[in-house]
């Protein structure tokens, strides 16, 4: 067992302790709220930060797309593909009161 001075030690959300100089070696990342966790237990945010996956998995204010956690107001649901897309860079269109990613939107006929 190794012992370090407390000022150099961080505790993860799982109760494990690591020396601050060796976090990268152990895959430990700092979360956006200042806690620390294993990168394997996290999802990225569009800004490049980390959130703990189990904290956002059932939180309706987030949507996880391709292992990235978006706030729910940053995404839209495509009724054709039945998937969520981030507003940036995808274009959302509305047809007959339903939202679609522009590439999947149904064709409409203009009536004059």
C-alpha atoms as a PDB file:
ATOM      1  CA  UNK A   1       0.000   0.000   0.000  1.00  0.00           C
ATOM      2  CA  UNK A   2       1.174   3.515  -0.813  1.00  0.00           C
ATOM      3  CA  UNK A   3       0.577   6.560   1.329  1.00  0.00           C
ATOM      4  CA  UNK A   4       0.434  10.152   0.112  1.00  0.00           C
ATOM      5  CA  UNK A   5      -0.049  13.451   1.847  1.00  0.00           C
ATOM      6  CA  UNK A   6      -3.746  14.350   1.892  1.00  0.00           C
ATOM      7  CA  UNK A   7      -3.163  17.505  -0.105  1.00  0.00           C
ATOM      8  CA  UNK A   8      -2.192  15.373  -3.139  1.00  0.00           C
ATOM      9  CA  UNK A   9      -5.004  12.831  -2.908  1.00  0.00           C
ATOM     10  CA  UNK A  10      -8.406  12.998  -4.577  1.00  0.00           C
ATOM     11  CA  UNK A  11     -11.384  10.770  -3.858  1.00  0.00           C
ATOM     12  CA  UNK A  12     -13.593   9.515  -6.688  1.00  0.00           C
ATOM     13  CA  UNK A  13     -17.386   9.301  -6.488  1.00  0.00           C
ATOM     14  CA  UNK A  14     -16.910   5.565  -5.887  1.00  0.00           C
ATOM     15  CA  UNK A  15     -14.732   6.161  -2.810  1.00  0.00           C
ATOM     16  CA  UNK A  16     -11.392   5.277  -4.396  1.00  0.00           C
ATOM     17  CA  UNK A  17      -8.321   7.417  -3.723  1.00  0.00           C
ATOM     18  CA  UNK A  18      -5.685   8.517  -6.255  1.00  0.00           C
ATOM     19  CA  UNK A  19      -2.649  10.761  -6.228  1.00  0.00           C
ATOM     20  CA  UNK A  20      -3.462  13.847  -8.278  1.00  0.00           C
ATOM     21  CA  UNK A  21      -0.367  13.417 -10.462  1.00  0.00           C
ATOM     22  CA  UNK A  22      -1.488   9.958 -11.655  1.00  0.00           C
ATOM     23  CA  UNK A  23      -5.124  10.539 -12.564  1.00  0.00           C
ATOM     24  CA  UNK A  24      -4.482  10.133 -16.313  1.00  0.00           C
ATOM     25  CA  UNK A  25      -2.705   6.811 -15.777  1.00  0.00           C
ATOM     26  CA  UNK A  26      -5.795   5.486 -14.009  1.00  0.00           C
ATOM     27  CA  UNK A  27      -8.339   7.016 -16.389  1.00  0.00           C
ATOM     28  CA  UNK A  28      -9.727   9.376 -13.749  1.00  0.00           C
ATOM     29  CA  UNK A  29     -11.349  12.595 -14.964  1.00  0.00           C
ATOM     30  CA  UNK A  30     -12.768  15.654 -13.263  1.00  0.00           C
ATOM     31  CA  UNK A  31     -16.513  16.040 -13.682  1.00  0.00           C
ATOM     32  CA  UNK A  32     -18.177  19.360 -14.418  1.00  0.00           C
ATOM     33  CA  UNK A  33     -19.349  19.545 -10.803  1.00  0.00           C
ATOM     34  CA  UNK A  34     -15.785  19.139  -9.453  1.00  0.00           C
ATOM     35  CA  UNK A  35     -16.100  15.471  -8.439  1.00  0.00           C
ATOM     36  CA  UNK A  36     -13.803  12.810  -9.920  1.00  0.00           C
ATOM     37  CA  UNK A  37     -14.708   9.507 -11.598  1.00  0.00           C
ATOM     38  CA  UNK A  38     -13.417   6.837 -13.941  1.00  0.00           C
ATOM     39  CA  UNK A  39     -13.707   7.997 -17.548  1.00  0.00           C
ATOM     40  CA  UNK A  40     -15.412   4.668 -18.336  1.00  0.00           C
ATOM     41  CA  UNK A  41     -18.300   5.711 -16.063  1.00  0.00           C
ATOM     42  CA  UNK A  42     -18.748   9.088 -17.770  1.00  0.00           C
ATOM     43  CA  UNK A  43     -20.210  10.697 -20.851  1.00  0.00           C
ATOM     44  CA  UNK A  44     -18.788  13.758 -22.567  1.00  0.00           C
ATOM     45  CA  UNK A  45     -20.619  17.028 -22.967  1.00  0.00           C
ATOM     46  CA  UNK A  46     -20.588  19.108 -26.162  1.00  0.00           C
ATOM     47  CA  UNK A  47     -18.196  21.512 -24.408  1.00  0.00           C
ATOM     48  CA  UNK A  48     -15.734  18.657 -23.741  1.00  0.00           C
ATOM     49  CA  UNK A  49     -16.490  18.208 -20.061  1.00  0.00           C
ATOM     50  CA  UNK A  50     -17.565  15.034 -18.280  1.00  0.00           C
ATOM     51  CA  UNK A  51     -20.756  13.997 -16.514  1.00  0.00           C
ATOM     52  CA  UNK A  52     -21.259  10.814 -14.542  1.00  0.00           C
ATOM     53  CA  UNK A  53     -23.321   8.477 -16.748  1.00  0.00           C
ATOM     54  CA  UNK A  54     -25.468   7.159 -13.896  1.00  0.00           C
ATOM     55  CA  UNK A  55     -26.397  10.710 -12.869  1.00  0.00           C
ATOM     56  CA  UNK A  56     -27.702  11.667 -16.315  1.00  0.00           C
ATOM     57  CA  UNK A  57     -29.050   8.314 -17.564  1.00  0.00           C
ATOM     58  CA  UNK A  58     -32.473   8.815 -15.957  1.00  0.00           C
ATOM     59  CA  UNK A  59     -32.419  12.603 -15.860  1.00  0.00           C
ATOM     60  CA  UNK A  60     -34.919  13.945 -18.399  1.00  0.00           C
ATOM     61  CA  UNK A  61     -32.964  17.184 -18.695  1.00  0.00           C
ATOM     62  CA  UNK A  62     -30.285  15.275 -20.667  1.00  0.00           C
ATOM     63  CA  UNK A  63     -30.290  13.187 -23.828  1.00  0.00           C
ATOM     64  CA  UNK A  64     -27.308  10.939 -24.570  1.00  0.00           C
ATOM     65  CA  UNK A  65     -26.372  10.757 -28.255  1.00  0.00           C
ATOM     66  CA  UNK A  66     -23.281   8.790 -29.319  1.00  0.00           C
ATOM     67  CA  UNK A  67     -21.918   8.816 -25.752  1.00  0.00           C
ATOM     68  CA  UNK A  68     -22.323  12.587 -25.475  1.00  0.00           C
ATOM     69  CA  UNK A  69     -24.789  14.136 -22.983  1.00  0.00           C
ATOM     70  CA  UNK A  70     -26.772  17.042 -24.401  1.00  0.00           C
ATOM     71  CA  UNK A  71     -29.169  19.183 -22.424  1.00  0.00           C
ATOM     72  CA  UNK A  72     -32.683  18.434 -23.627  1.00  0.00           C
ATOM     73  CA  UNK A  73     -33.145  21.915 -25.101  1.00  0.00           C
ATOM     74  CA  UNK A  74     -30.060  21.333 -27.312  1.00  0.00           C
ATOM     75  CA  UNK A  75     -31.679  18.439 -29.217  1.00  0.00           C
ATOM     76  CA  UNK A  76     -34.765  17.593 -31.247  1.00  0.00           C
ATOM     77  CA  UNK A  77     -36.567  14.333 -31.928  1.00  0.00           C
ATOM     78  CA  UNK A  78     -36.828  13.193 -35.548  1.00  0.00           C
ATOM     79  CA  UNK A  79     -40.160  11.446 -36.086  1.00  0.00           C
ATOM     80  CA  UNK A  80     -38.933   9.626 -39.216  1.00  0.00           C
ATOM     81  CA  UNK A  81     -35.747   8.090 -37.796  1.00  0.00           C
ATOM     82  CA  UNK A  82     -37.067   7.939 -34.202  1.00  0.00           C
ATOM     83  CA  UNK A  83     -33.736   9.337 -32.990  1.00  0.00           C
ATOM     84  CA  UNK A  84     -32.584  12.522 -31.304  1.00  0.00           C
ATOM     85  CA  UNK A  85     -30.270  14.981 -33.057  1.00  0.00           C
ATOM     86  CA  UNK A  86     -28.405  17.982 -31.650  1.00  0.00           C
ATOM     87  CA  UNK A  87     -29.597  21.333 -33.057  1.00  0.00           C
ATOM     88  CA  UNK A  88     -26.001  22.089 -33.909  1.00  0.00           C
ATOM     89  CA  UNK A  89     -25.077  21.030 -36.613  1.00  0.00           C
ATOM     90  CA  UNK A  90     -28.370  19.397 -37.715  1.00  0.00           C
ATOM     91  CA  UNK A  91     -31.289  21.295 -39.188  1.00  0.00           C
ATOM     92  CA  UNK A  92     -34.694  20.690 -37.640  1.00  0.00           C
ATOM     93  CA  UNK A  93     -37.828  21.209 -39.721  1.00  0.00           C
ATOM     94  CA  UNK A  94     -41.463  20.947 -38.741  1.00  0.00           C
ATOM     95  CA  UNK A  95     -44.017  19.250 -40.983  1.00  0.00           C
ATOM     96  CA  UNK A  96     -47.644  18.902 -39.904  1.00  0.00           C
ATOM     97  CA  UNK A  97     -46.733  19.628 -36.292  1.00  0.00           C
ATOM     98  CA  UNK A  98     -43.950  17.010 -36.118  1.00  0.00           C
ATOM     99  CA  UNK A  99     -40.196  17.621 -36.034  1.00  0.00           C
ATOM    100  CA  UNK A 100     -37.744  16.025 -38.433  1.00  0.00           C
ATOM    101  CA  UNK A 101     -34.068  16.155 -39.269  1.00  0.00           C
ATOM    102  CA  UNK A 102     -34.172  18.010 -42.604  1.00  0.00           C
ATOM    103  CA  UNK A 103     -32.796  15.034 -44.576  1.00  0.00           C
ATOM    104  CA  UNK A 104     -35.626  12.783 -43.275  1.00  0.00           C
ATOM    105  CA  UNK A 105     -38.520  15.212 -43.569  1.00  0.00           C
ATOM    106  CA  UNK A 106     -41.446  13.964 -45.677  1.00  0.00           C
ATOM    107  CA  UNK A 107     -42.154  15.705 -48.938  1.00  0.00           C
ATOM    108  CA  UNK A 108     -44.977  18.198 -48.767  1.00  0.00           C
ATOM    109  CA  UNK A 109     -47.055  19.608 -51.571  1.00  0.00           C
ATOM    110  CA  UNK A 110     -47.773  23.300 -51.515  1.00  0.00           C
ATOM    111  CA  UNK A 111     -51.424  24.121 -52.109  1.00  0.00           C
ATOM    112  CA  UNK A 112     -52.189  27.547 -53.457  1.00  0.00           C
END
